[in-house]
């Protein structure tokens, strides 16, 4: 006869008490190691402070973070506003002139930098408008002069603005003696060829009904050249 055996129920045994306490023991060991590391680090910092007390290691020193004026530096006792002001010789020569043309206030601004000239002609409350660049080059082969006009910003479909820029470039190149250039288009500082004059950055913001008039065109260009001549005199006097 076959004996009927009752099924064996496999019960999940609970881990021993030592195994249940093992993670807690690991946490305690980690905390102790961390505390030991911090104590060792604090000890090293205190030793460093004793050797280098002026460094202020290991603590937040708000006073050491604030800027201090060194007594050995020239101008240390000057106000902060004077320290931040640039040297007068590093500033570009700037001239602003206003005139009424065709019952409209016209403002001409000129800034002479060492490597380029910035001009702005505005009848729209000082707005720059379309920005163009004019470069002038002389050819040593056929002794011809080339004017390169590029629209950098603004309207590219108005050829009249390029005519203004071309005329201003021709008049300034004919004057010669532009800042940074000597005779024959040679850079006065480096002695290298740099063109007849530095690049011209010209901002034009003129009213349409005024800029299309030939008489107004001549008056505006004459005003720019007159202002440019005054700026050159100011540069020579510095």
C-alpha atoms as a PDB file:
ATOM      1  CA  UNK A   1       0.000   0.000   0.000  1.00  0.00           C
ATOM      2  CA  UNK A   2       1.084   3.552  -0.725  1.00  0.00           C
ATOM      3  CA  UNK A   3       1.224   5.867   2.077  1.00  0.00           C
ATOM      4  CA  UNK A   4      -0.206   9.273   1.522  1.00  0.00           C
ATOM      5  CA  UNK A   5       2.205  11.946   2.598  1.00  0.00           C
ATOM      6  CA  UNK A   6       0.971  15.325   3.495  1.00  0.00           C
ATOM      7  CA  UNK A   7       2.504  18.138   1.417  1.00  0.00           C
ATOM      8  CA  UNK A   8       5.363  19.949   3.022  1.00  0.00           C
ATOM      9  CA  UNK A   9       4.680  23.608   3.395  1.00  0.00           C
ATOM     10  CA  UNK A  10       7.860  25.555   2.810  1.00  0.00           C
ATOM     11  CA  UNK A  11       7.882  28.411   5.165  1.00  0.00           C
ATOM     12  CA  UNK A  12      10.044  31.495   4.620  1.00  0.00           C
ATOM     13  CA  UNK A  13      12.476  31.585   7.386  1.00  0.00           C
ATOM     14  CA  UNK A  14      13.199  34.927   8.928  1.00  0.00           C
ATOM     15  CA  UNK A  15      16.864  35.977   8.919  1.00  0.00           C
ATOM     16  CA  UNK A  16      18.705  35.701  12.156  1.00  0.00           C
ATOM     17  CA  UNK A  17      18.863  38.661  14.464  1.00  0.00           C
ATOM     18  CA  UNK A  18      22.500  39.341  13.628  1.00  0.00           C
ATOM     19  CA  UNK A  19      21.697  39.625   9.944  1.00  0.00           C
ATOM     20  CA  UNK A  20      18.862  42.064  10.629  1.00  0.00           C
ATOM     21  CA  UNK A  21      21.144  44.263  12.666  1.00  0.00           C
ATOM     22  CA  UNK A  22      23.922  44.242  10.075  1.00  0.00           C
ATOM     23  CA  UNK A  23      22.721  47.314   8.063  1.00  0.00           C
ATOM     24  CA  UNK A  24      22.366  49.375  11.231  1.00  0.00           C
ATOM     25  CA  UNK A  25      25.882  48.404  12.213  1.00  0.00           C
ATOM     26  CA  UNK A  26      27.167  49.505   8.808  1.00  0.00           C
ATOM     27  CA  UNK A  27      25.484  52.895   9.182  1.00  0.00           C
ATOM     28  CA  UNK A  28      27.033  53.371  12.602  1.00  0.00           C
ATOM     29  CA  UNK A  29      30.464  52.485  11.235  1.00  0.00           C
ATOM     30  CA  UNK A  30      30.075  54.945   8.352  1.00  0.00           C
ATOM     31  CA  UNK A  31      29.041  57.731  10.697  1.00  0.00           C
ATOM     32  CA  UNK A  32      31.994  57.052  12.943  1.00  0.00           C
ATOM     33  CA  UNK A  33      34.363  57.107   9.973  1.00  0.00           C
ATOM     34  CA  UNK A  34      32.866  60.374   8.726  1.00  0.00           C
ATOM     35  CA  UNK A  35      33.182  61.952  12.149  1.00  0.00           C
ATOM     36  CA  UNK A  36      36.792  60.805  12.354  1.00  0.00           C
ATOM     37  CA  UNK A  37      37.525  62.306   8.930  1.00  0.00           C
ATOM     38  CA  UNK A  38      35.969  65.613   9.894  1.00  0.00           C
ATOM     39  CA  UNK A  39      37.979  65.753  13.078  1.00  0.00           C
ATOM     40  CA  UNK A  40      41.169  65.061  11.168  1.00  0.00           C
ATOM     41  CA  UNK A  41      40.311  67.752   8.610  1.00  0.00           C
ATOM     42  CA  UNK A  42      39.549  70.295  11.342  1.00  0.00           C
ATOM     43  CA  UNK A  43      42.855  69.503  12.986  1.00  0.00           C
ATOM     44  CA  UNK A  44      44.754  70.069   9.734  1.00  0.00           C
ATOM     45  CA  UNK A  45      42.955  73.387   9.167  1.00  0.00           C
ATOM     46  CA  UNK A  46      43.834  74.591  12.662  1.00  0.00           C
ATOM     47  CA  UNK A  47      47.454  73.682  12.056  1.00  0.00           C
ATOM     48  CA  UNK A  48      47.413  75.593   8.765  1.00  0.00           C
ATOM     49  CA  UNK A  49      45.929  78.641  10.488  1.00  0.00           C
ATOM     50  CA  UNK A  50      48.736  78.590  13.026  1.00  0.00           C
ATOM     51  CA  UNK A  51      51.326  78.556  10.240  1.00  0.00           C
ATOM     52  CA  UNK A  52      49.517  81.012   7.951  1.00  0.00           C
ATOM     53  CA  UNK A  53      47.289  83.169  10.160  1.00  0.00           C
ATOM     54  CA  UNK A  54      46.823  85.812   7.449  1.00  0.00           C
ATOM     55  CA  UNK A  55      45.153  83.343   5.074  1.00  0.00           C
ATOM     56  CA  UNK A  56      42.070  82.884   7.219  1.00  0.00           C
ATOM     57  CA  UNK A  57      41.675  79.197   6.271  1.00  0.00           C
ATOM     58  CA  UNK A  58      38.766  77.159   7.482  1.00  0.00           C
ATOM     59  CA  UNK A  59      36.334  79.958   8.213  1.00  0.00           C
ATOM     60  CA  UNK A  60      34.274  82.413   6.258  1.00  0.00           C
ATOM     61  CA  UNK A  61      35.940  85.771   6.562  1.00  0.00           C
ATOM     62  CA  UNK A  62      33.720  88.427   5.076  1.00  0.00           C
ATOM     63  CA  UNK A  63      36.247  91.116   5.798  1.00  0.00           C
ATOM     64  CA  UNK A  64      38.953  89.342   3.807  1.00  0.00           C
ATOM     65  CA  UNK A  65      36.598  89.010   0.821  1.00  0.00           C
ATOM     66  CA  UNK A  66      35.960  92.727   0.631  1.00  0.00           C
ATOM     67  CA  UNK A  67      38.329  94.752  -1.599  1.00  0.00           C
ATOM     68  CA  UNK A  68      41.053  96.573   0.259  1.00  0.00           C
ATOM     69  CA  UNK A  69      43.122  99.449  -0.951  1.00  0.00           C
ATOM     70  CA  UNK A  70      46.817  98.700  -0.903  1.00  0.00           C
ATOM     71  CA  UNK A  71      48.917 101.573   0.474  1.00  0.00           C
ATOM     72  CA  UNK A  72      51.702 100.721  -1.965  1.00  0.00           C
ATOM     73  CA  UNK A  73      49.538 101.223  -5.049  1.00  0.00           C
ATOM     74  CA  UNK A  74      49.387 104.701  -6.519  1.00  0.00           C
ATOM     75  CA  UNK A  75      45.951 106.278  -6.207  1.00  0.00           C
ATOM     76  CA  UNK A  76      44.772 103.825  -3.550  1.00  0.00           C
ATOM     77  CA  UNK A  77      43.147 106.632  -1.578  1.00  0.00           C
ATOM     78  CA  UNK A  78      41.240 107.968  -4.589  1.00  0.00           C
ATOM     79  CA  UNK A  79      37.451 107.588  -4.758  1.00  0.00           C
ATOM     80  CA  UNK A  80      36.110 104.504  -6.492  1.00  0.00           C
ATOM     81  CA  UNK A  81      34.546 106.632  -9.253  1.00  0.00           C
ATOM     82  CA  UNK A  82      37.989 107.973 -10.217  1.00  0.00           C
ATOM     83  CA  UNK A  83      39.482 104.477 -10.348  1.00  0.00           C
ATOM     84  CA  UNK A  84      36.814 103.287 -12.783  1.00  0.00           C
ATOM     85  CA  UNK A  85      37.146 106.307 -15.065  1.00  0.00           C
ATOM     86  CA  UNK A  86      39.240 105.628 -18.202  1.00  0.00           C
ATOM     87  CA  UNK A  87      42.303 107.671 -18.980  1.00  0.00           C
ATOM     88  CA  UNK A  88      41.497 110.760 -21.088  1.00  0.00           C
ATOM     89  CA  UNK A  89      43.992 109.685 -23.740  1.00  0.00           C
ATOM     90  CA  UNK A  90      42.147 106.384 -24.327  1.00  0.00           C
ATOM     91  CA  UNK A  91      38.822 108.053 -25.169  1.00  0.00           C
ATOM     92  CA  UNK A  92      37.913 108.715 -28.813  1.00  0.00           C
ATOM     93  CA  UNK A  93      37.517 112.244 -30.038  1.00  0.00           C
ATOM     94  CA  UNK A  94      33.787 112.924 -30.078  1.00  0.00           C
ATOM     95  CA  UNK A  95      31.868 115.781 -31.657  1.00  0.00           C
ATOM     96  CA  UNK A  96      28.123 116.345 -31.969  1.00  0.00           C
ATOM     97  CA  UNK A  97      26.634 119.113 -34.081  1.00  0.00           C
ATOM     98  CA  UNK A  98      22.994 119.971 -34.743  1.00  0.00           C
ATOM     99  CA  UNK A  99      21.561 122.028 -37.580  1.00  0.00           C
ATOM    100  CA  UNK A 100      18.136 122.585 -39.098  1.00  0.00           C
ATOM    101  CA  UNK A 101      17.867 121.350 -42.677  1.00  0.00           C
ATOM    102  CA  UNK A 102      14.537 121.633 -44.505  1.00  0.00           C
ATOM    103  CA  UNK A 103      12.777 122.521 -41.247  1.00  0.00           C
ATOM    104  CA  UNK A 104      14.023 119.314 -39.660  1.00  0.00           C
ATOM    105  CA  UNK A 105      16.599 119.035 -36.880  1.00  0.00           C
ATOM    106  CA  UNK A 106      19.645 117.157 -38.181  1.00  0.00           C
ATOM    107  CA  UNK A 107      22.211 115.743 -35.740  1.00  0.00           C
ATOM    108  CA  UNK A 108      25.689 114.724 -36.845  1.00  0.00           C
ATOM    109  CA  UNK A 109      27.811 112.702 -34.417  1.00  0.00           C
ATOM    110  CA  UNK A 110      31.448 111.856 -35.077  1.00  0.00           C
ATOM    111  CA  UNK A 111      33.769 109.613 -33.076  1.00  0.00           C
ATOM    112  CA  UNK A 112      37.392 109.278 -34.178  1.00  0.00           C
ATOM    113  CA  UNK A 113      38.973 106.000 -33.077  1.00  0.00           C
ATOM    114  CA  UNK A 114      42.544 104.951 -33.766  1.00  0.00           C
ATOM    115  CA  UNK A 115      41.497 102.350 -36.346  1.00  0.00           C
ATOM    116  CA  UNK A 116      38.170 103.625 -37.708  1.00  0.00           C
ATOM    117  CA  UNK A 117      35.794 106.594 -37.872  1.00  0.00           C
ATOM    118  CA  UNK A 118      32.179 106.473 -36.743  1.00  0.00           C
ATOM    119  CA  UNK A 119      29.672 108.948 -38.182  1.00  0.00           C
ATOM    120  CA  UNK A 120      25.965 109.238 -37.514  1.00  0.00           C
ATOM    121  CA  UNK A 121      23.489 111.426 -39.408  1.00  0.00           C
ATOM    122  CA  UNK A 122      20.056 111.401 -37.845  1.00  0.00           C
ATOM    123  CA  UNK A 123      16.790 113.273 -38.266  1.00  0.00           C
ATOM    124  CA  UNK A 124      14.840 110.685 -36.257  1.00  0.00           C
ATOM    125  CA  UNK A 125      15.592 111.636 -32.641  1.00  0.00           C
ATOM    126  CA  UNK A 126      19.128 110.281 -32.625  1.00  0.00           C
ATOM    127  CA  UNK A 127      18.368 106.894 -34.188  1.00  0.00           C
ATOM    128  CA  UNK A 128      21.246 105.326 -36.101  1.00  0.00           C
ATOM    129  CA  UNK A 129      19.117 103.896 -38.897  1.00  0.00           C
ATOM    130  CA  UNK A 130      21.024 102.024 -41.602  1.00  0.00           C
ATOM    131  CA  UNK A 131      24.667 101.263 -40.804  1.00  0.00           C
ATOM    132  CA  UNK A 132      27.117 101.189 -43.715  1.00  0.00           C
ATOM    133  CA  UNK A 133      30.853 100.623 -43.903  1.00  0.00           C
ATOM    134  CA  UNK A 134      33.063 102.426 -46.395  1.00  0.00           C
ATOM    135  CA  UNK A 135      36.653 101.361 -47.085  1.00  0.00           C
ATOM    136  CA  UNK A 136      38.955 103.255 -49.434  1.00  0.00           C
ATOM    137  CA  UNK A 137      41.896 101.610 -51.225  1.00  0.00           C
ATOM    138  CA  UNK A 138      44.459 102.885 -53.684  1.00  0.00           C
ATOM    139  CA  UNK A 139      45.928 100.587 -56.323  1.00  0.00           C
ATOM    140  CA  UNK A 140      49.687 100.794 -56.882  1.00  0.00           C
ATOM    141  CA  UNK A 141      49.314  99.181 -60.305  1.00  0.00           C
ATOM    142  CA  UNK A 142      47.080 101.622 -62.151  1.00  0.00           C
ATOM    143  CA  UNK A 143      46.910 104.350 -59.447  1.00  0.00           C
ATOM    144  CA  UNK A 144      43.139 103.975 -59.223  1.00  0.00           C
ATOM    145  CA  UNK A 145      41.061 104.433 -56.101  1.00  0.00           C
ATOM    146  CA  UNK A 146      38.381 101.952 -55.048  1.00  0.00           C
ATOM    147  CA  UNK A 147      35.476 102.554 -52.672  1.00  0.00           C
ATOM    148  CA  UNK A 148      33.934  99.478 -51.092  1.00  0.00           C
ATOM    149  CA  UNK A 149      30.514 100.071 -49.546  1.00  0.00           C
ATOM    150  CA  UNK A 150      28.838  97.408 -47.412  1.00  0.00           C
ATOM    151  CA  UNK A 151      25.498  97.594 -45.643  1.00  0.00           C
ATOM    152  CA  UNK A 152      26.007  96.133 -42.178  1.00  0.00           C
ATOM    153  CA  UNK A 153      22.602  96.812 -40.657  1.00  0.00           C
ATOM    154  CA  UNK A 154      19.271  98.163 -41.839  1.00  0.00           C
ATOM    155  CA  UNK A 155      17.807  98.753 -45.281  1.00  0.00           C
ATOM    156  CA  UNK A 156      19.568  97.099 -48.206  1.00  0.00           C
ATOM    157  CA  UNK A 157      17.083  98.143 -50.893  1.00  0.00           C
ATOM    158  CA  UNK A 158      17.777 101.900 -50.770  1.00  0.00           C
ATOM    159  CA  UNK A 159      20.666 102.765 -53.084  1.00  0.00           C
ATOM    160  CA  UNK A 160      20.450 106.433 -52.131  1.00  0.00           C
ATOM    161  CA  UNK A 161      21.948 105.629 -48.728  1.00  0.00           C
ATOM    162  CA  UNK A 162      24.947 104.126 -50.501  1.00  0.00           C
ATOM    163  CA  UNK A 163      25.268 107.313 -52.529  1.00  0.00           C
ATOM    164  CA  UNK A 164      25.430 109.303 -49.279  1.00  0.00           C
ATOM    165  CA  UNK A 165      28.084 106.939 -47.912  1.00  0.00           C
ATOM    166  CA  UNK A 166      30.104 107.053 -51.150  1.00  0.00           C
ATOM    167  CA  UNK A 167      30.065 110.852 -51.277  1.00  0.00           C
ATOM    168  CA  UNK A 168      31.121 111.147 -47.632  1.00  0.00           C
ATOM    169  CA  UNK A 169      33.906 108.607 -48.195  1.00  0.00           C
ATOM    170  CA  UNK A 170      35.182 110.497 -51.249  1.00  0.00           C
ATOM    171  CA  UNK A 171      35.233 113.823 -49.404  1.00  0.00           C
ATOM    172  CA  UNK A 172      37.025 112.402 -46.355  1.00  0.00           C
ATOM    173  CA  UNK A 173      39.567 110.499 -48.461  1.00  0.00           C
ATOM    174  CA  UNK A 174      40.310 113.695 -50.406  1.00  0.00           C
ATOM    175  CA  UNK A 175      41.115 115.512 -47.152  1.00  0.00           C
ATOM    176  CA  UNK A 176      43.771 113.009 -46.068  1.00  0.00           C
ATOM    177  CA  UNK A 177      45.395 113.075 -42.651  1.00  0.00           C
ATOM    178  CA  UNK A 178      42.809 110.783 -41.101  1.00  0.00           C
ATOM    179  CA  UNK A 179      43.569 109.542 -37.573  1.00  0.00           C
ATOM    180  CA  UNK A 180      45.940 106.600 -37.617  1.00  0.00           C
ATOM    181  CA  UNK A 181      47.028 107.166 -41.229  1.00  0.00           C
ATOM    182  CA  UNK A 182      49.960 109.044 -42.617  1.00  0.00           C
ATOM    183  CA  UNK A 183      50.851 110.104 -46.105  1.00  0.00           C
ATOM    184  CA  UNK A 184      50.231 107.616 -48.873  1.00  0.00           C
ATOM    185  CA  UNK A 185      47.873 105.471 -46.805  1.00  0.00           C
ATOM    186  CA  UNK A 186      50.560 104.241 -44.409  1.00  0.00           C
ATOM    187  CA  UNK A 187      49.687 103.505 -40.794  1.00  0.00           C
ATOM    188  CA  UNK A 188      51.548 106.023 -38.630  1.00  0.00           C
ATOM    189  CA  UNK A 189      51.973 103.512 -35.784  1.00  0.00           C
ATOM    190  CA  UNK A 190      53.005 100.324 -37.622  1.00  0.00           C
ATOM    191  CA  UNK A 191      54.346 101.690 -40.905  1.00  0.00           C
ATOM    192  CA  UNK A 192      52.221  99.231 -42.870  1.00  0.00           C
ATOM    193  CA  UNK A 193      49.818 100.031 -45.682  1.00  0.00           C
ATOM    194  CA  UNK A 194      46.335 100.559 -44.281  1.00  0.00           C
ATOM    195  CA  UNK A 195      44.488 102.317 -47.071  1.00  0.00           C
ATOM    196  CA  UNK A 196      43.870 106.000 -47.641  1.00  0.00           C
ATOM    197  CA  UNK A 197      41.912 106.287 -44.403  1.00  0.00           C
ATOM    198  CA  UNK A 198      40.528 103.968 -41.738  1.00  0.00           C
ATOM    199  CA  UNK A 199      37.186 102.277 -42.397  1.00  0.00           C
ATOM    200  CA  UNK A 200      34.189 104.571 -42.057  1.00  0.00           C
ATOM    201  CA  UNK A 201      31.131 103.382 -40.152  1.00  0.00           C
ATOM    202  CA  UNK A 202      28.246 105.594 -41.214  1.00  0.00           C
ATOM    203  CA  UNK A 203      24.776 105.485 -39.683  1.00  0.00           C
ATOM    204  CA  UNK A 204      22.108 107.242 -41.745  1.00  0.00           C
ATOM    205  CA  UNK A 205      18.603 107.936 -40.467  1.00  0.00           C
ATOM    206  CA  UNK A 206      17.140 110.636 -42.713  1.00  0.00           C
ATOM    207  CA  UNK A 207      13.572 111.403 -43.583  1.00  0.00           C
ATOM    208  CA  UNK A 208      12.663 110.155 -47.041  1.00  0.00           C
ATOM    209  CA  UNK A 209      11.216 113.427 -48.321  1.00  0.00           C
ATOM    210  CA  UNK A 210      14.361 115.272 -47.226  1.00  0.00           C
ATOM    211  CA  UNK A 211      17.144 112.928 -48.299  1.00  0.00           C
ATOM    212  CA  UNK A 212      15.837 112.704 -51.884  1.00  0.00           C
ATOM    213  CA  UNK A 213      16.199 116.436 -52.471  1.00  0.00           C
ATOM    214  CA  UNK A 214      19.523 117.312 -54.214  1.00  0.00           C
ATOM    215  CA  UNK A 215      19.940 120.571 -52.275  1.00  0.00           C
ATOM    216  CA  UNK A 216      19.363 118.832 -48.981  1.00  0.00           C
ATOM    217  CA  UNK A 217      21.812 116.136 -50.051  1.00  0.00           C
ATOM    218  CA  UNK A 218      24.562 118.723 -50.517  1.00  0.00           C
ATOM    219  CA  UNK A 219      23.758 120.464 -47.218  1.00  0.00           C
ATOM    220  CA  UNK A 220      23.842 117.217 -45.269  1.00  0.00           C
ATOM    221  CA  UNK A 221      27.152 116.076 -46.768  1.00  0.00           C
ATOM    222  CA  UNK A 222      28.682 119.527 -46.198  1.00  0.00           C
ATOM    223  CA  UNK A 223      27.587 119.398 -42.554  1.00  0.00           C
ATOM    224  CA  UNK A 224      29.248 116.004 -42.105  1.00  0.00           C
ATOM    225  CA  UNK A 225      32.536 117.162 -43.661  1.00  0.00           C
ATOM    226  CA  UNK A 226      32.500 120.372 -41.632  1.00  0.00           C
ATOM    227  CA  UNK A 227      32.006 118.386 -38.438  1.00  0.00           C
ATOM    228  CA  UNK A 228      34.741 115.948 -39.457  1.00  0.00           C
ATOM    229  CA  UNK A 229      37.229 118.774 -39.963  1.00  0.00           C
ATOM    230  CA  UNK A 230      36.464 120.156 -36.509  1.00  0.00           C
ATOM    231  CA  UNK A 231      36.950 116.714 -34.975  1.00  0.00           C
ATOM    232  CA  UNK A 232      40.348 116.397 -36.700  1.00  0.00           C
ATOM    233  CA  UNK A 233      41.394 119.749 -35.233  1.00  0.00           C
ATOM    234  CA  UNK A 234      40.308 118.589 -31.788  1.00  0.00           C
ATOM    235  CA  UNK A 235      42.431 115.459 -32.185  1.00  0.00           C
ATOM    236  CA  UNK A 236      45.481 117.488 -33.211  1.00  0.00           C
ATOM    237  CA  UNK A 237      45.061 119.762 -30.187  1.00  0.00           C
ATOM    238  CA  UNK A 238      45.020 116.851 -27.662  1.00  0.00           C
END
